[in-house]
Protein backbone atom coordinates (compact mmCIF):
# COMPACT_ATOMS: atom_id res chain seq x y z
CA MET A 1 -6.58 -48.19 68.34
CA MET A 2 -10.02 -46.75 67.06
CA THR A 3 -13.16 -48.90 67.02
CA ASP A 4 -15.37 -49.06 64.05
CA ARG A 5 -17.91 -46.91 65.84
CA GLU A 6 -15.19 -44.25 66.55
CA ARG A 7 -14.13 -44.39 62.83
CA ILE A 8 -17.70 -43.91 61.63
CA ARG A 9 -18.25 -40.88 64.13
CA ARG A 10 -15.02 -39.37 62.83
CA ALA A 11 -16.02 -39.78 59.23
CA ILE A 12 -19.48 -38.20 60.02
CA ASN A 13 -17.66 -35.16 61.71
CA LEU A 14 -15.42 -34.87 58.63
CA LEU A 15 -18.37 -34.94 56.39
CA ARG A 16 -20.19 -32.29 58.37
CA LYS A 17 -17.06 -30.00 58.02
CA GLN A 18 -16.92 -30.72 54.43
CA ARG A 19 -20.78 -29.73 54.13
CA ALA A 20 -20.02 -26.48 55.90
CA ILE A 21 -17.23 -25.58 53.35
CA LEU A 22 -19.51 -26.65 50.58
CA LEU A 23 -22.48 -24.39 51.69
CA GLU A 24 -20.01 -21.48 52.12
CA ARG A 25 -18.65 -21.93 48.70
CA LEU A 26 -22.29 -22.23 47.22
CA GLU A 27 -23.05 -19.03 48.93
CA GLU A 28 -20.05 -17.18 47.42
CA ILE A 29 -21.04 -18.47 43.85
CA ASN A 30 -24.65 -17.25 44.37
CA GLU A 31 -23.30 -13.72 45.35
CA ASN A 32 -20.95 -13.83 42.49
CA LEU A 33 -23.74 -14.71 40.01
CA ARG A 34 -25.63 -11.51 41.15
CA ARG A 35 -22.62 -9.54 39.85
CA VAL A 36 -21.63 -11.21 36.72
CA PRO A 37 -23.33 -10.13 33.44
CA ASN A 38 -25.89 -12.43 32.12
CA PRO A 39 -24.59 -13.90 28.97
CA SER A 40 -20.92 -14.48 29.90
CA ARG A 41 -18.36 -17.22 30.02
CA ALA A 42 -17.79 -16.55 33.74
CA ARG A 43 -21.60 -16.90 34.31
CA ARG A 44 -21.65 -20.25 32.66
CA GLU A 45 -18.64 -21.39 34.83
CA LEU A 46 -20.24 -20.20 37.87
CA LEU A 47 -23.52 -22.03 37.07
CA ALA A 48 -21.56 -25.17 36.22
CA ALA A 49 -19.72 -24.87 39.54
CA ARG A 50 -23.00 -24.39 41.40
CA VAL A 51 -24.41 -27.61 39.87
CA SER A 52 -21.26 -29.46 40.93
CA ILE A 53 -21.42 -28.23 44.50
CA ARG A 54 -25.07 -29.01 44.77
CA GLU A 55 -24.35 -32.58 43.57
CA ALA A 56 -21.52 -32.81 46.24
CA LEU A 57 -23.86 -31.64 48.94
CA ARG A 58 -26.36 -34.29 47.87
CA LEU A 59 -23.76 -37.01 48.03
CA ASN A 60 -22.37 -35.64 51.37
CA ALA A 61 -25.96 -35.95 52.78
CA ASP A 62 -26.36 -39.34 51.51
CA ALA A 63 -23.10 -40.37 53.01
CA ILE A 64 -23.98 -38.96 56.41
CA ARG A 65 -27.30 -40.49 56.37
CA LEU A 66 -25.84 -44.07 55.57
CA LEU A 67 -23.11 -43.78 58.24
CA ARG A 68 -25.72 -42.68 60.79
CA ARG A 69 -27.63 -45.90 59.95
CA VAL A 70 -24.69 -48.08 60.53
CA LEU A 71 -24.32 -46.54 63.93
CA LEU A 72 -27.85 -47.55 65.05
């Protein structure tokens, strides 16, 4: 059976993996934004996705920070 500390460490590790995936996706979106014409629906959708991913990254960082504090 896992202890609470082990569960928290596991959650932190999963959040780090999620962060890596989100950063990779953000990089892909930024690359696509360089190729898409300026006034287009595709560009608006990419910009919206970028905002969403940035918010997810912020929440991810907050969650990691809070879980680390619990471990101390």
